[in-house]
Amino acid sequence: MAFSERLAFARKQKKIKQADLGKMVGTSGDIIGKYERGENTPSIDVATKIADALGVTLDYLVKDGEYEQIDKETLKRLQDIQQLTPENKDHVFALLDAFLKQVKLQSIM
């Protein structure tokens, strides 16, 4: 998926109009439309503002990859976990593993 497609998808998911996103990042809705159609490409500074306004990472907007759809809230939590002691990380991962296992079991029942 290209930058233009990811931008349009993320904006629509947040139910933000092009004009409103333009105001949020200091440009116009027409320019946002050009970004979404692939007619123009924003500078890194503008792309960063767009990512912040949409609550996604810059990586999500500009890169293809396994973790392209990690939102900022999830990323922040992962960074917080990374700061924990190894023992506390083990506890968090054990809880997470148990929860994910339960959800998977419920989905197949």
PDB file of N, CA and C in Angstrom:
ATOM      1  N   MET A   1       0.861  -1.179   0.000  1.00  0.00           N
ATOM      2  CA  MET A   1       0.000   0.000   0.000  1.00  0.00           C
ATOM      3  C   MET A   1       0.903   1.237   0.000  1.00  0.00           C
ATOM      4  N   ALA A   2       0.563   2.199  -0.801  1.00  0.00           N
ATOM      5  CA  ALA A   2       1.345   3.428  -0.935  1.00  0.00           C
ATOM      6  C   ALA A   2       0.977   4.439   0.146  1.00  0.00           C
ATOM      7  N   PHE A   3       1.838   5.445   0.316  1.00  0.00           N
ATOM      8  CA  PHE A   3       1.581   6.516   1.279  1.00  0.00           C
ATOM      9  C   PHE A   3       0.191   7.102   1.068  1.00  0.00           C
ATOM     10  N   SER A   4      -0.150   7.395  -0.174  1.00  0.00           N
ATOM     11  CA  SER A   4      -1.435   8.026  -0.467  1.00  0.00           C
ATOM     12  C   SER A   4      -2.610   7.174   0.031  1.00  0.00           C
ATOM     13  N   GLU A   5      -2.511   5.868  -0.177  1.00  0.00           N
ATOM     14  CA  GLU A   5      -3.581   4.958   0.258  1.00  0.00           C
ATOM     15  C   GLU A   5      -3.651   4.857   1.780  1.00  0.00           C
ATOM     16  N   ARG A   6      -2.493   4.792   2.422  1.00  0.00           N
ATOM     17  CA  ARG A   6      -2.474   4.705   3.884  1.00  0.00           C
ATOM     18  C   ARG A   6      -3.022   5.977   4.522  1.00  0.00           C
ATOM     19  N   LEU A   7      -2.652   7.116   3.919  1.00  0.00           N
ATOM     20  CA  LEU A   7      -3.147   8.399   4.422  1.00  0.00           C
ATOM     21  C   LEU A   7      -4.669   8.440   4.331  1.00  0.00           C
ATOM     22  N   ALA A   8      -5.204   8.119   3.168  1.00  0.00           N
ATOM     23  CA  ALA A   8      -6.660   8.152   2.983  1.00  0.00           C
ATOM     24  C   ALA A   8      -7.350   7.170   3.936  1.00  0.00           C
ATOM     25  N   PHE A   9      -6.800   5.979   4.061  1.00  0.00           N
ATOM     26  CA  PHE A   9      -7.391   4.972   4.934  1.00  0.00           C
ATOM     27  C   PHE A   9      -7.407   5.447   6.390  1.00  0.00           C
ATOM     28  N   ALA A  10      -6.262   5.941   6.871  1.00  0.00           N
ATOM     29  CA  ALA A  10      -6.167   6.382   8.272  1.00  0.00           C
ATOM     30  C   ALA A  10      -7.095   7.563   8.529  1.00  0.00           C
ATOM     31  N   ARG A  11      -7.178   8.486   7.579  1.00  0.00           N
ATOM     32  CA  ARG A  11      -8.052   9.651   7.752  1.00  0.00           C
ATOM     33  C   ARG A  11      -9.517   9.226   7.818  1.00  0.00           C
ATOM     34  N   LYS A  12      -9.896   8.314   6.934  1.00  0.00           N
ATOM     35  CA  LYS A  12     -11.286   7.848   6.921  1.00  0.00           C
ATOM     36  C   LYS A  12     -11.617   7.042   8.174  1.00  0.00           C
ATOM     37  N   GLN A  13     -10.656   6.275   8.665  1.00  0.00           N
ATOM     38  CA  GLN A  13     -10.871   5.503   9.896  1.00  0.00           C
ATOM     39  C   GLN A  13     -11.152   6.437  11.078  1.00  0.00           C
ATOM     40  N   LYS A  14     -10.495   7.591  11.080  1.00  0.00           N
ATOM     41  CA  LYS A  14     -10.679   8.575  12.160  1.00  0.00           C
ATOM     42  C   LYS A  14     -11.865   9.490  11.890  1.00  0.00           C
ATOM     43  N   LYS A  15     -12.487   9.321  10.711  1.00  0.00           N
ATOM     44  CA  LYS A  15     -13.650  10.130  10.312  1.00  0.00           C
ATOM     45  C   LYS A  15     -13.322  11.624  10.335  1.00  0.00           C
ATOM     46  N   ILE A  16     -12.161  11.956   9.751  1.00  0.00           N
ATOM     47  CA  ILE A  16     -11.720  13.338   9.656  1.00  0.00           C
ATOM     48  C   ILE A  16     -11.819  13.768   8.189  1.00  0.00           C
ATOM     49  N   LYS A  17     -12.379  14.923   7.942  1.00  0.00           N
ATOM     50  CA  LYS A  17     -12.475  15.455   6.584  1.00  0.00           C
ATOM     51  C   LYS A  17     -11.103  15.959   6.142  1.00  0.00           C
ATOM     52  N   GLN A  18     -10.882  15.965   4.844  1.00  0.00           N
ATOM     53  CA  GLN A  18      -9.622  16.465   4.303  1.00  0.00           C
ATOM     54  C   GLN A  18      -9.358  17.899   4.765  1.00  0.00           C
ATOM     55  N   ALA A  19     -10.380  18.727   4.726  1.00  0.00           N
ATOM     56  CA  ALA A  19     -10.223  20.127   5.132  1.00  0.00           C
ATOM     57  C   ALA A  19      -9.813  20.232   6.601  1.00  0.00           C
ATOM     58  N   ASP A  20     -10.428  19.403   7.439  1.00  0.00           N
ATOM     59  CA  ASP A  20     -10.103  19.436   8.872  1.00  0.00           C
ATOM     60  C   ASP A  20      -8.682  18.953   9.123  1.00  0.00           C
ATOM     61  N   LEU A  21      -8.268  17.911   8.419  1.00  0.00           N
ATOM     62  CA  LEU A  21      -6.893  17.430   8.565  1.00  0.00           C
ATOM     63  C   LEU A  21      -5.916  18.496   8.085  1.00  0.00           C
ATOM     64  N   GLY A  22      -6.263  19.150   6.995  1.00  0.00           N
ATOM     65  CA  GLY A  22      -5.416  20.236   6.501  1.00  0.00           C
ATOM     66  C   GLY A  22      -5.218  21.316   7.542  1.00  0.00           C
ATOM     67  N   LYS A  23      -6.295  21.722   8.196  1.00  0.00           N
ATOM     68  CA  LYS A  23      -6.194  22.743   9.253  1.00  0.00           C
ATOM     69  C   LYS A  23      -5.326  22.251  10.403  1.00  0.00           C
ATOM     70  N   MET A  24      -5.470  20.975  10.743  1.00  0.00           N
ATOM     71  CA  MET A  24      -4.710  20.411  11.867  1.00  0.00           C
ATOM     72  C   MET A  24      -3.205  20.436  11.617  1.00  0.00           C
ATOM     73  N   VAL A  25      -2.818  20.313  10.348  1.00  0.00           N
ATOM     74  CA  VAL A  25      -1.389  20.224  10.031  1.00  0.00           C
ATOM     75  C   VAL A  25      -0.846  21.493   9.379  1.00  0.00           C
ATOM     76  N   GLY A  26      -1.694  22.514   9.241  1.00  0.00           N
ATOM     77  CA  GLY A  26      -1.220  23.783   8.705  1.00  0.00           C
ATOM     78  C   GLY A  26      -1.184  23.851   7.188  1.00  0.00           C
ATOM     79  N   THR A  27      -2.095  23.148   6.544  1.00  0.00           N
ATOM     80  CA  THR A  27      -2.203  23.213   5.088  1.00  0.00           C
ATOM     81  C   THR A  27      -3.681  23.221   4.735  1.00  0.00           C
ATOM     82  N   SER A  28      -4.002  22.973   3.487  1.00  0.00           N
ATOM     83  CA  SER A  28      -5.408  22.994   3.080  1.00  0.00           C
ATOM     84  C   SER A  28      -5.921  21.580   2.805  1.00  0.00           C
ATOM     85  N   GLY A  29      -7.223  21.481   2.760  1.00  0.00           N
ATOM     86  CA  GLY A  29      -7.843  20.206   2.411  1.00  0.00           C
ATOM     87  C   GLY A  29      -7.517  19.798   0.987  1.00  0.00           C
ATOM     88  N   ASP A  30      -7.352  20.799   0.095  1.00  0.00           N
ATOM     89  CA  ASP A  30      -6.986  20.502  -1.293  1.00  0.00           C
ATOM     90  C   ASP A  30      -5.625  19.823  -1.369  1.00  0.00           C
ATOM     91  N   ILE A  31      -4.688  20.270  -0.555  1.00  0.00           N
ATOM     92  CA  ILE A  31      -3.352  19.663  -0.540  1.00  0.00           C
ATOM     93  C   ILE A  31      -3.436  18.234   0.006  1.00  0.00           C
ATOM     94  N   ILE A  32      -4.234  18.038   1.057  1.00  0.00           N
ATOM     95  CA  ILE A  32      -4.418  16.682   1.596  1.00  0.00           C
ATOM     96  C   ILE A  32      -4.985  15.786   0.495  1.00  0.00           C
ATOM     97  N   GLY A  33      -5.939  16.292  -0.271  1.00  0.00           N
ATOM     98  CA  GLY A  33      -6.503  15.536  -1.391  1.00  0.00           C
ATOM     99  C   GLY A  33      -5.437  15.164  -2.414  1.00  0.00           C
ATOM    100  N   LYS A  34      -4.531  16.088  -2.696  1.00  0.00           N
ATOM    101  CA  LYS A  34      -3.441  15.790  -3.635  1.00  0.00           C
ATOM    102  C   LYS A  34      -2.517  14.715  -3.079  1.00  0.00           C
ATOM    103  N   TYR A  35      -2.267  14.756  -1.764  1.00  0.00           N
ATOM    104  CA  TYR A  35      -1.453  13.702  -1.140  1.00  0.00           C
ATOM    105  C   TYR A  35      -2.151  12.353  -1.283  1.00  0.00           C
ATOM    106  N   GLU A  36      -3.465  12.345  -1.060  1.00  0.00           N
ATOM    107  CA  GLU A  36      -4.224  11.096  -1.114  1.00  0.00           C
ATOM    108  C   GLU A  36      -4.339  10.541  -2.538  1.00  0.00           C
ATOM    109  N   ARG A  37      -4.299  11.416  -3.514  1.00  0.00           N
ATOM    110  CA  ARG A  37      -4.352  10.966  -4.911  1.00  0.00           C
ATOM    111  C   ARG A  37      -2.962  10.655  -5.455  1.00  0.00           C
ATOM    112  N   GLY A  38      -1.936  10.913  -4.662  1.00  0.00           N
ATOM    113  CA  GLY A  38      -0.574  10.655  -5.093  1.00  0.00           C
ATOM    114  C   GLY A  38      -0.024  11.698  -6.043  1.00  0.00           C
ATOM    115  N   GLU A  39      -0.687  12.847  -6.123  1.00  0.00           N
ATOM    116  CA  GLU A  39      -0.235  13.915  -7.006  1.00  0.00           C
ATOM    117  C   GLU A  39       0.923  14.698  -6.399  1.00  0.00           C
ATOM    118  N   ASN A  40       0.953  14.801  -5.089  1.00  0.00           N
ATOM    119  CA  ASN A  40       2.020  15.480  -4.347  1.00  0.00           C
ATOM    120  C   ASN A  40       2.479  14.581  -3.219  1.00  0.00           C
ATOM    121  N   THR A  41       3.687  14.834  -2.742  1.00  0.00           N
ATOM    122  CA  THR A  41       4.219  14.119  -1.586  1.00  0.00           C
ATOM    123  C   THR A  41       4.629  15.150  -0.545  1.00  0.00           C
ATOM    124  N   PRO A  42       4.192  14.980   0.705  1.00  0.00           N
ATOM    125  CA  PRO A  42       4.533  15.977   1.721  1.00  0.00           C
ATOM    126  C   PRO A  42       5.998  15.880   2.136  1.00  0.00           C
ATOM    127  N   SER A  43       6.478  16.963   2.698  1.00  0.00           N
ATOM    128  CA  SER A  43       7.807  16.939   3.303  1.00  0.00           C
ATOM    129  C   SER A  43       7.751  16.027   4.530  1.00  0.00           C
ATOM    130  N   ILE A  44       8.903  15.666   5.040  1.00  0.00           N
ATOM    131  CA  ILE A  44       8.946  14.815   6.235  1.00  0.00           C
ATOM    132  C   ILE A  44       8.286  15.512   7.420  1.00  0.00           C
ATOM    133  N   ASP A  45       8.452  16.835   7.508  1.00  0.00           N
ATOM    134  CA  ASP A  45       7.825  17.584   8.601  1.00  0.00           C
ATOM    135  C   ASP A  45       6.303  17.531   8.522  1.00  0.00           C
ATOM    136  N   VAL A  46       5.780  17.711   7.318  1.00  0.00           N
ATOM    137  CA  VAL A  46       4.326  17.668   7.144  1.00  0.00           C
ATOM    138  C   VAL A  46       3.812  16.250   7.355  1.00  0.00           C
ATOM    139  N   ALA A  47       4.530  15.259   6.845  1.00  0.00           N
ATOM    140  CA  ALA A  47       4.117  13.863   7.046  1.00  0.00           C
ATOM    141  C   ALA A  47       4.089  13.528   8.532  1.00  0.00           C
ATOM    142  N   THR A  48       5.045  14.049   9.289  1.00  0.00           N
ATOM    143  CA  THR A  48       5.069  13.822  10.741  1.00  0.00           C
ATOM    144  C   THR A  48       3.849  14.460  11.403  1.00  0.00           C
ATOM    145  N   LYS A  49       3.501  15.674  10.982  1.00  0.00           N
ATOM    146  CA  LYS A  49       2.313  16.345  11.531  1.00  0.00           C
ATOM    147  C   LYS A  49       1.041  15.563  11.192  1.00  0.00           C
ATOM    148  N   ILE A  50       0.986  15.044   9.974  1.00  0.00           N
ATOM    149  CA  ILE A  50      -0.174  14.243   9.557  1.00  0.00           C
ATOM    150  C   ILE A  50      -0.276  12.987  10.421  1.00  0.00           C
ATOM    151  N   ALA A  51       0.845  12.307  10.610  1.00  0.00           N
ATOM    152  CA  ALA A  51       0.844  11.095  11.443  1.00  0.00           C
ATOM    153  C   ALA A  51       0.371  11.420  12.854  1.00  0.00           C
ATOM    154  N   ASP A  52       0.878  12.510  13.422  1.00  0.00           N
ATOM    155  CA  ASP A  52       0.463  12.912  14.769  1.00  0.00           C
ATOM    156  C   ASP A  52      -1.035  13.221  14.822  1.00  0.00           C
ATOM    157  N   ALA A  53      -1.522  13.948  13.828  1.00  0.00           N
ATOM    158  CA  ALA A  53      -2.944  14.311  13.797  1.00  0.00           C
ATOM    159  C   ALA A  53      -3.843  13.088  13.672  1.00  0.00           C
ATOM    160  N   LEU A  54      -3.361  12.079  12.959  1.00  0.00           N
ATOM    161  CA  LEU A  54      -4.167  10.867  12.759  1.00  0.00           C
ATOM    162  C   LEU A  54      -3.932   9.810  13.832  1.00  0.00           C
ATOM    163  N   GLY A  55      -2.960  10.058  14.720  1.00  0.00           N
ATOM    164  CA  GLY A  55      -2.696   9.101  15.793  1.00  0.00           C
ATOM    165  C   GLY A  55      -2.046   7.823  15.307  1.00  0.00           C
ATOM    166  N   VAL A  56      -1.257   7.927  14.230  1.00  0.00           N
ATOM    167  CA  VAL A  56      -0.524   6.781  13.712  1.00  0.00           C
ATOM    168  C   VAL A  56       0.959   7.124  13.720  1.00  0.00           C
ATOM    169  N   THR A  57       1.778   6.128  13.489  1.00  0.00           N
ATOM    170  CA  THR A  57       3.209   6.394  13.420  1.00  0.00           C
ATOM    171  C   THR A  57       3.578   6.834  12.006  1.00  0.00           C
ATOM    172  N   LEU A  58       4.684   7.541  11.918  1.00  0.00           N
ATOM    173  CA  LEU A  58       5.189   7.934  10.608  1.00  0.00           C
ATOM    174  C   LEU A  58       5.536   6.691   9.796  1.00  0.00           C
ATOM    175  N   ASP A  59       6.062   5.672  10.471  1.00  0.00           N
ATOM    176  CA  ASP A  59       6.355   4.405   9.792  1.00  0.00           C
ATOM    177  C   ASP A  59       5.115   3.840   9.118  1.00  0.00           C
ATOM    178  N   TYR A  60       3.981   3.926   9.790  1.00  0.00           N
ATOM    179  CA  TYR A  60       2.740   3.412   9.204  1.00  0.00           C
ATOM    180  C   TYR A  60       2.456   4.109   7.873  1.00  0.00           C
ATOM    181  N   LEU A  61       2.631   5.426   7.848  1.00  0.00           N
ATOM    182  CA  LEU A  61       2.305   6.174   6.642  1.00  0.00           C
ATOM    183  C   LEU A  61       3.288   5.943   5.500  1.00  0.00           C
ATOM    184  N   VAL A  62       4.557   5.768   5.819  1.00  0.00           N
ATOM    185  CA  VAL A  62       5.557   5.773   4.741  1.00  0.00           C
ATOM    186  C   VAL A  62       6.189   4.435   4.421  1.00  0.00           C
ATOM    187  N   LYS A  63       6.005   3.423   5.251  1.00  0.00           N
ATOM    188  CA  LYS A  63       6.708   2.164   5.029  1.00  0.00           C
ATOM    189  C   LYS A  63       5.758   0.984   4.919  1.00  0.00           C
ATOM    190  N   ASP A  64       6.159   0.030   4.100  1.00  0.00           N
ATOM    191  CA  ASP A  64       5.487  -1.261   4.101  1.00  0.00           C
ATOM    192  C   ASP A  64       6.209  -2.116   5.111  1.00  0.00           C
ATOM    193  N   GLY A  65       5.481  -2.872   5.866  1.00  0.00           N
ATOM    194  CA  GLY A  65       6.143  -3.732   6.821  1.00  0.00           C
ATOM    195  C   GLY A  65       5.175  -4.473   7.693  1.00  0.00           C
ATOM    196  N   GLU A  66       5.738  -5.375   8.454  1.00  0.00           N
ATOM    197  CA  GLU A  66       4.955  -6.242   9.314  1.00  0.00           C
ATOM    198  C   GLU A  66       4.178  -5.457  10.370  1.00  0.00           C
ATOM    199  N   TYR A  67       4.762  -4.368  10.852  1.00  0.00           N
ATOM    200  CA  TYR A  67       4.142  -3.623  11.945  1.00  0.00           C
ATOM    201  C   TYR A  67       3.582  -2.287  11.493  1.00  0.00           C
ATOM    202  N   GLU A  68       3.206  -2.186  10.226  1.00  0.00           N
ATOM    203  CA  GLU A  68       2.785  -0.905   9.698  1.00  0.00           C
ATOM    204  C   GLU A  68       1.504  -0.374  10.324  1.00  0.00           C
ATOM    205  N   GLN A  69       0.693  -1.232  10.924  1.00  0.00           N
ATOM    206  CA  GLN A  69      -0.573  -0.746  11.456  1.00  0.00           C
ATOM    207  C   GLN A  69      -0.590  -0.605  12.972  1.00  0.00           C
ATOM    208  N   ILE A  70       0.575  -0.537  13.589  1.00  0.00           N
ATOM    209  CA  ILE A  70       0.614  -0.309  15.031  1.00  0.00           C
ATOM    210  C   ILE A  70       0.294   1.156  15.294  1.00  0.00           C
ATOM    211  N   ASP A  71      -0.761   1.396  16.062  1.00  0.00           N
ATOM    212  CA  ASP A  71      -1.119   2.769  16.373  1.00  0.00           C
ATOM    213  C   ASP A  71      -0.223   3.307  17.477  1.00  0.00           C
ATOM    214  N   LYS A  72      -0.285   4.603  17.690  1.00  0.00           N
ATOM    215  CA  LYS A  72       0.619   5.243  18.657  1.00  0.00           C
ATOM    216  C   LYS A  72       0.382   4.759  20.084  1.00  0.00           C
ATOM    217  N   GLU A  73      -0.855   4.487  20.428  1.00  0.00           N
ATOM    218  CA  GLU A  73      -1.164   4.027  21.785  1.00  0.00           C
ATOM    219  C   GLU A  73      -0.505   2.669  22.056  1.00  0.00           C
ATOM    220  N   THR A  74      -0.599   1.766  21.090  1.00  0.00           N
ATOM    221  CA  THR A  74       0.023   0.450  21.232  1.00  0.00           C
ATOM    222  C   THR A  74       1.542   0.589  21.271  1.00  0.00           C
ATOM    223  N   LEU A  75       2.071   1.416  20.390  1.00  0.00           N
ATOM    224  CA  LEU A  75       3.516   1.635  20.362  1.00  0.00           C
ATOM    225  C   LEU A  75       4.015   2.193  21.689  1.00  0.00           C
ATOM    226  N   LYS A  76       3.273   3.121  22.266  1.00  0.00           N
ATOM    227  CA  LYS A  76       3.656   3.702  23.568  1.00  0.00           C
ATOM    228  C   LYS A  76       3.683   2.616  24.637  1.00  0.00           C
ATOM    229  N   ARG A  77       2.703   1.751  24.624  1.00  0.00           N
ATOM    230  CA  ARG A  77       2.658   0.667  25.610  1.00  0.00           C
ATOM    231  C   ARG A  77       3.831  -0.291  25.427  1.00  0.00           C
ATOM    232  N   LEU A  78       4.167  -0.579  24.173  1.00  0.00           N
ATOM    233  CA  LEU A  78       5.324  -1.445  23.917  1.00  0.00           C
ATOM    234  C   LEU A  78       6.607  -0.793  24.427  1.00  0.00           C
ATOM    235  N   GLN A  79       6.724   0.507  24.239  1.00  0.00           N
ATOM    236  CA  GLN A  79       7.903   1.215  24.741  1.00  0.00           C
ATOM    237  C   GLN A  79       7.945   1.185  26.264  1.00  0.00           C
ATOM    238  N   ASP A  80       6.786   1.317  26.904  1.00  0.00           N
ATOM    239  CA  ASP A  80       6.731   1.236  28.367  1.00  0.00           C
ATOM    240  C   ASP A  80       7.155  -0.143  28.853  1.00  0.00           C
ATOM    241  N   ILE A  81       6.687  -1.170  28.181  1.00  0.00           N
ATOM    242  CA  ILE A  81       7.061  -2.542  28.553  1.00  0.00           C
ATOM    243  C   ILE A  81       8.557  -2.741  28.397  1.00  0.00           C
ATOM    244  N   GLN A  82       9.104  -2.164  27.354  1.00  0.00           N
ATOM    245  CA  GLN A  82      10.528  -2.310  27.094  1.00  0.00           C
ATOM    246  C   GLN A  82      11.381  -1.733  28.231  1.00  0.00           C
ATOM    247  N   GLN A  83      10.842  -0.789  28.966  1.00  0.00           N
ATOM    248  CA  GLN A  83      11.578  -0.153  30.063  1.00  0.00           C
ATOM    249  C   GLN A  83      11.513  -0.947  31.372  1.00  0.00           C
ATOM    250  N   LEU A  84      10.679  -1.974  31.417  1.00  0.00           N
ATOM    251  CA  LEU A  84      10.515  -2.763  32.640  1.00  0.00           C
ATOM    252  C   LEU A  84      11.737  -3.646  32.903  1.00  0.00           C
ATOM    253  N   THR A  85      11.846  -4.082  34.144  1.00  0.00           N
ATOM    254  CA  THR A  85      12.887  -5.054  34.486  1.00  0.00           C
ATOM    255  C   THR A  85      12.547  -6.376  33.806  1.00  0.00           C
ATOM    256  N   PRO A  86      13.524  -7.231  33.587  1.00  0.00           N
ATOM    257  CA  PRO A  86      13.233  -8.535  32.962  1.00  0.00           C
ATOM    258  C   PRO A  86      12.152  -9.322  33.709  1.00  0.00           C
ATOM    259  N   GLU A  87      12.176  -9.274  35.021  1.00  0.00           N
ATOM    260  CA  GLU A  87      11.171  -9.999  35.813  1.00  0.00           C
ATOM    261  C   GLU A  87       9.771  -9.446  35.566  1.00  0.00           C
ATOM    262  N   ASN A  88       9.643  -8.123  35.557  1.00  0.00           N
ATOM    263  CA  ASN A  88       8.331  -7.522  35.311  1.00  0.00           C
ATOM    264  C   ASN A  88       7.865  -7.762  33.877  1.00  0.00           C
ATOM    265  N   LYS A  89       8.796  -7.762  32.923  1.00  0.00           N
ATOM    266  CA  LYS A  89       8.437  -8.089  31.536  1.00  0.00           C
ATOM    267  C   LYS A  89       7.856  -9.500  31.465  1.00  0.00           C
ATOM    268  N   ASP A  90       8.489 -10.433  32.173  1.00  0.00           N
ATOM    269  CA  ASP A  90       7.996 -11.811  32.184  1.00  0.00           C
ATOM    270  C   ASP A  90       6.558 -11.875  32.684  1.00  0.00           C
ATOM    271  N   HIS A  91       6.241 -11.093  33.715  1.00  0.00           N
ATOM    272  CA  HIS A  91       4.879 -11.066  34.259  1.00  0.00           C
ATOM    273  C   HIS A  91       3.892 -10.507  33.221  1.00  0.00           C
ATOM    274  N   VAL A  92       4.274  -9.414  32.591  1.00  0.00           N
ATOM    275  CA  VAL A  92       3.403  -8.810  31.582  1.00  0.00           C
ATOM    276  C   VAL A  92       3.167  -9.789  30.432  1.00  0.00           C
ATOM    277  N   PHE A  93       4.229 -10.434  29.973  1.00  0.00           N
ATOM    278  CA  PHE A  93       4.099 -11.367  28.858  1.00  0.00           C
ATOM    279  C   PHE A  93       3.274 -12.587  29.248  1.00  0.00           C
ATOM    280  N   ALA A  94       3.393 -13.055  30.476  1.00  0.00           N
ATOM    281  CA  ALA A  94       2.596 -14.192  30.923  1.00  0.00           C
ATOM    282  C   ALA A  94       1.108 -13.832  30.924  1.00  0.00           C
ATOM    283  N   LEU A  95       0.789 -12.632  31.417  1.00  0.00           N
ATOM    284  CA  LEU A  95      -0.608 -12.185  31.404  1.00  0.00           C
ATOM    285  C   LEU A  95      -1.128 -12.025  29.981  1.00  0.00           C
ATOM    286  N   LEU A  96      -0.320 -11.440  29.142  1.00  0.00           N
ATOM    287  CA  LEU A  96      -0.709 -11.241  27.756  1.00  0.00           C
ATOM    288  C   LEU A  96      -0.896 -12.575  27.036  1.00  0.00           C
ATOM    289  N   ASP A  97       0.018 -13.503  27.239  1.00  0.00           N
ATOM    290  CA  ASP A  97      -0.100 -14.834  26.629  1.00  0.00           C
ATOM    291  C   ASP A  97      -1.373 -15.539  27.067  1.00  0.00           C
ATOM    292  N   ALA A  98      -1.681 -15.453  28.362  1.00  0.00           N
ATOM    293  CA  ALA A  98      -2.888 -16.098  28.879  1.00  0.00           C
ATOM    294  C   ALA A  98      -4.144 -15.470  28.266  1.00  0.00           C
ATOM    295  N   PHE A  99      -4.159 -14.157  28.182  1.00  0.00           N
ATOM    296  CA  PHE A  99      -5.312 -13.469  27.602  1.00  0.00           C
ATOM    297  C   PHE A  99      -5.473 -13.833  26.123  1.00  0.00           C
ATOM    298  N   LEU A 100      -4.392 -13.789  25.356  1.00  0.00           N
ATOM    299  CA  LEU A 100      -4.463 -14.108  23.928  1.00  0.00           C
ATOM    300  C   LEU A 100      -4.897 -15.549  23.696  1.00  0.00           C
ATOM    301  N   LYS A 101      -4.426 -16.456  24.535  1.00  0.00           N
ATOM    302  CA  LYS A 101      -4.824 -17.859  24.418  1.00  0.00           C
ATOM    303  C   LYS A 101      -6.329 -18.004  24.652  1.00  0.00           C
ATOM    304  N   GLN A 102      -6.845 -17.293  25.657  1.00  0.00           N
ATOM    305  CA  GLN A 102      -8.268 -17.340  25.957  1.00  0.00           C
ATOM    306  C   GLN A 102      -9.089 -16.791  24.783  1.00  0.00           C
ATOM    307  N   VAL A 103      -8.653 -15.694  24.221  1.00  0.00           N
ATOM    308  CA  VAL A 103      -9.374 -15.086  23.087  1.00  0.00           C
ATOM    309  C   VAL A 103      -9.372 -16.042  21.893  1.00  0.00           C
ATOM    310  N   LYS A 104      -8.242 -16.685  21.625  1.00  0.00           N
ATOM    311  CA  LYS A 104      -8.168 -17.634  20.495  1.00  0.00           C
ATOM    312  C   LYS A 104      -9.092 -18.828  20.725  1.00  0.00           C
ATOM    313  N   LEU A 105      -9.126 -19.314  21.957  1.00  0.00           N
ATOM    314  CA  LEU A 105      -9.989 -20.452  22.275  1.00  0.00           C
ATOM    315  C   LEU A 105     -11.455 -20.058  22.096  1.00  0.00           C
ATOM    316  N   GLN A 106     -11.813 -18.869  22.537  1.00  0.00           N
ATOM    317  CA  GLN A 106     -13.210 -18.418  22.394  1.00  0.00           C
ATOM    318  C   GLN A 106     -13.600 -18.247  20.930  1.00  0.00           C
ATOM    319  N   SER A 107     -12.641 -17.853  20.114  1.00  0.00           N
ATOM    320  CA  SER A 107     -12.969 -17.619  18.706  1.00  0.00           C
ATOM    321  C   SER A 107     -13.199 -18.919  17.935  1.00  0.00           C
ATOM    322  N   ILE A 108     -12.641 -20.031  18.416  1.00  0.00           N
ATOM    323  CA  ILE A 108     -12.858 -21.287  17.705  1.00  0.00           C
ATOM    324  C   ILE A 108     -14.022 -22.089  18.278  1.00  0.00           C
ATOM    325  N   MET A 109     -14.588 -21.645  19.352  1.00  0.00           N
ATOM    326  CA  MET A 109     -15.736 -22.338  19.952  1.00  0.00           C
ATOM    327  C   MET A 109     -17.037 -21.828  19.390  1.00  0.00           C
TER     328      MET A 109
END
